[in-house]
Amino acid sequence: MQATVTVNEGRAVIRLQGRFDFNSHREFRDATDTAMATPASAIVVDFGAVDYLDSSALGMLLMLRDRAKAAAREVSLSHCRGAVRQILDIANFGKLFSID
């Protein structure tokens, strides 16, 4: 997986590409560290180019949510569709995150 971080209009956007699974934990952690180091008040995780995610990816999202909450920041998930959206729906992540 590849992860890039951009900051725009007070939001840090983490764009993910490829498979989001346990093997991606370093890339995701580095991206979230970068996003948390910005002055952005919100973090958006962009799933537009993600074709797969597993339970470890869900855990990484929960850890990001906890870190962001401790820093008074909101986390939302964007461009979730197909199998990615189904997994997020099954896991009831719509109750924890704003998802579009």
Protein backbone atom coordinates (compact mmCIF):
# COMPACT_ATOMS: atom_id res chain seq x y z
CA MET A 1 0.00 0.00 0.00
CA GLN A 2 1.05 3.56 -0.61
CA ALA A 3 -0.05 6.46 1.57
CA THR A 4 0.33 10.17 0.92
CA VAL A 5 -0.67 13.09 3.12
CA THR A 6 -1.79 16.50 1.94
CA VAL A 7 -3.18 19.40 3.95
CA ASN A 8 -5.92 21.57 2.50
CA GLU A 9 -8.40 23.94 4.14
CA GLY A 10 -7.69 22.73 7.66
CA ARG A 11 -7.94 19.05 6.76
CA ALA A 12 -5.15 16.50 6.54
CA VAL A 13 -6.04 13.99 3.82
CA ILE A 14 -4.41 10.57 3.93
CA ARG A 15 -4.78 9.02 0.47
CA LEU A 16 -4.35 5.26 0.45
CA GLN A 17 -3.66 3.12 -2.59
CA GLY A 18 -3.63 -0.67 -2.93
CA ARG A 19 -4.24 -3.33 -0.28
CA PHE A 20 -4.76 -2.03 3.25
CA ASP A 21 -3.78 -4.93 5.48
CA PHE A 22 -1.32 -5.88 8.23
CA ASN A 23 1.63 -5.48 5.87
CA SER A 24 0.67 -1.79 5.52
CA HIS A 25 0.96 -0.90 9.18
CA ARG A 26 4.25 1.00 8.87
CA GLU A 27 3.11 3.08 5.90
CA PHE A 28 -0.19 3.85 7.61
CA ARG A 29 1.50 4.73 10.91
CA ASP A 30 3.94 7.04 9.12
CA ALA A 31 1.07 8.73 7.29
CA THR A 32 -0.96 9.17 10.46
CA ASP A 33 2.09 10.56 12.29
CA THR A 34 2.51 13.09 9.48
CA ALA A 35 -1.19 14.00 9.56
CA MET A 36 -1.20 14.38 13.35
CA ALA A 37 1.86 16.66 13.15
CA THR A 38 -0.07 19.17 11.01
CA PRO A 39 -2.26 21.94 12.45
CA ALA A 40 -5.29 20.41 10.69
CA SER A 41 -8.44 20.10 12.79
CA ALA A 42 -9.74 17.10 10.84
CA ILE A 43 -8.24 14.02 9.25
CA VAL A 44 -9.78 12.39 6.18
CA VAL A 45 -8.77 8.90 5.11
CA ASP A 46 -9.37 8.62 1.35
CA PHE A 47 -10.15 5.05 0.26
CA GLY A 48 -10.67 5.92 -3.42
CA ALA A 49 -7.78 3.72 -4.59
CA VAL A 50 -8.06 0.94 -1.99
CA ASP A 51 -9.19 -2.40 -3.36
CA TYR A 52 -8.95 -4.49 -0.16
CA LEU A 53 -8.87 -4.10 3.59
CA ASP A 54 -8.83 -6.63 6.42
CA SER A 55 -9.46 -6.70 10.16
CA SER A 56 -5.99 -5.35 10.97
CA ALA A 57 -6.80 -2.30 8.81
CA LEU A 58 -9.96 -1.79 10.84
CA GLY A 59 -7.84 -1.90 13.99
CA MET A 60 -5.45 0.68 12.57
CA LEU A 61 -8.40 2.98 11.82
CA LEU A 62 -9.62 2.61 15.41
CA MET A 63 -6.17 3.49 16.74
CA LEU A 64 -6.12 6.59 14.52
CA ARG A 65 -9.56 7.53 15.81
CA ASP A 66 -8.37 7.25 19.43
CA ARG A 67 -5.25 9.34 18.76
CA ALA A 68 -7.24 11.99 16.92
CA LYS A 69 -9.91 12.12 19.62
CA ALA A 70 -7.22 12.69 22.27
CA ALA A 71 -6.00 15.64 20.16
CA ALA A 72 -9.56 16.98 19.65
CA ARG A 73 -9.60 16.12 15.94
CA GLU A 74 -12.23 14.38 13.89
CA VAL A 75 -11.58 11.49 11.52
CA SER A 76 -13.73 10.74 8.51
CA LEU A 77 -13.51 8.13 5.75
CA SER A 78 -14.09 9.12 2.14
CA HIS A 79 -14.58 7.50 -1.25
CA CYS A 80 -15.58 4.18 0.31
CA ARG A 81 -17.20 1.89 -2.24
CA GLY A 82 -17.49 -1.71 -3.29
CA ALA A 83 -15.91 -4.33 -1.03
CA VAL A 84 -14.32 -1.64 1.16
CA ARG A 85 -17.73 -0.12 1.91
CA GLN A 86 -19.22 -3.54 2.61
CA ILE A 87 -16.53 -4.37 5.16
CA LEU A 88 -16.95 -0.99 6.87
CA ASP A 89 -20.73 -1.51 6.97
CA ILE A 90 -20.44 -5.04 8.37
CA ALA A 91 -18.10 -3.74 11.09
CA ASN A 92 -20.59 -0.93 11.91
CA PHE A 93 -17.93 1.72 11.34
CA GLY A 94 -20.68 4.13 10.31
CA LYS A 95 -21.38 4.51 14.04
CA LEU A 96 -17.77 5.49 14.72
CA PHE A 97 -16.80 7.52 11.66
CA SER A 98 -18.43 9.82 9.15
CA ILE A 99 -18.28 7.78 5.92
CA ASP A 100 -18.99 8.91 2.36
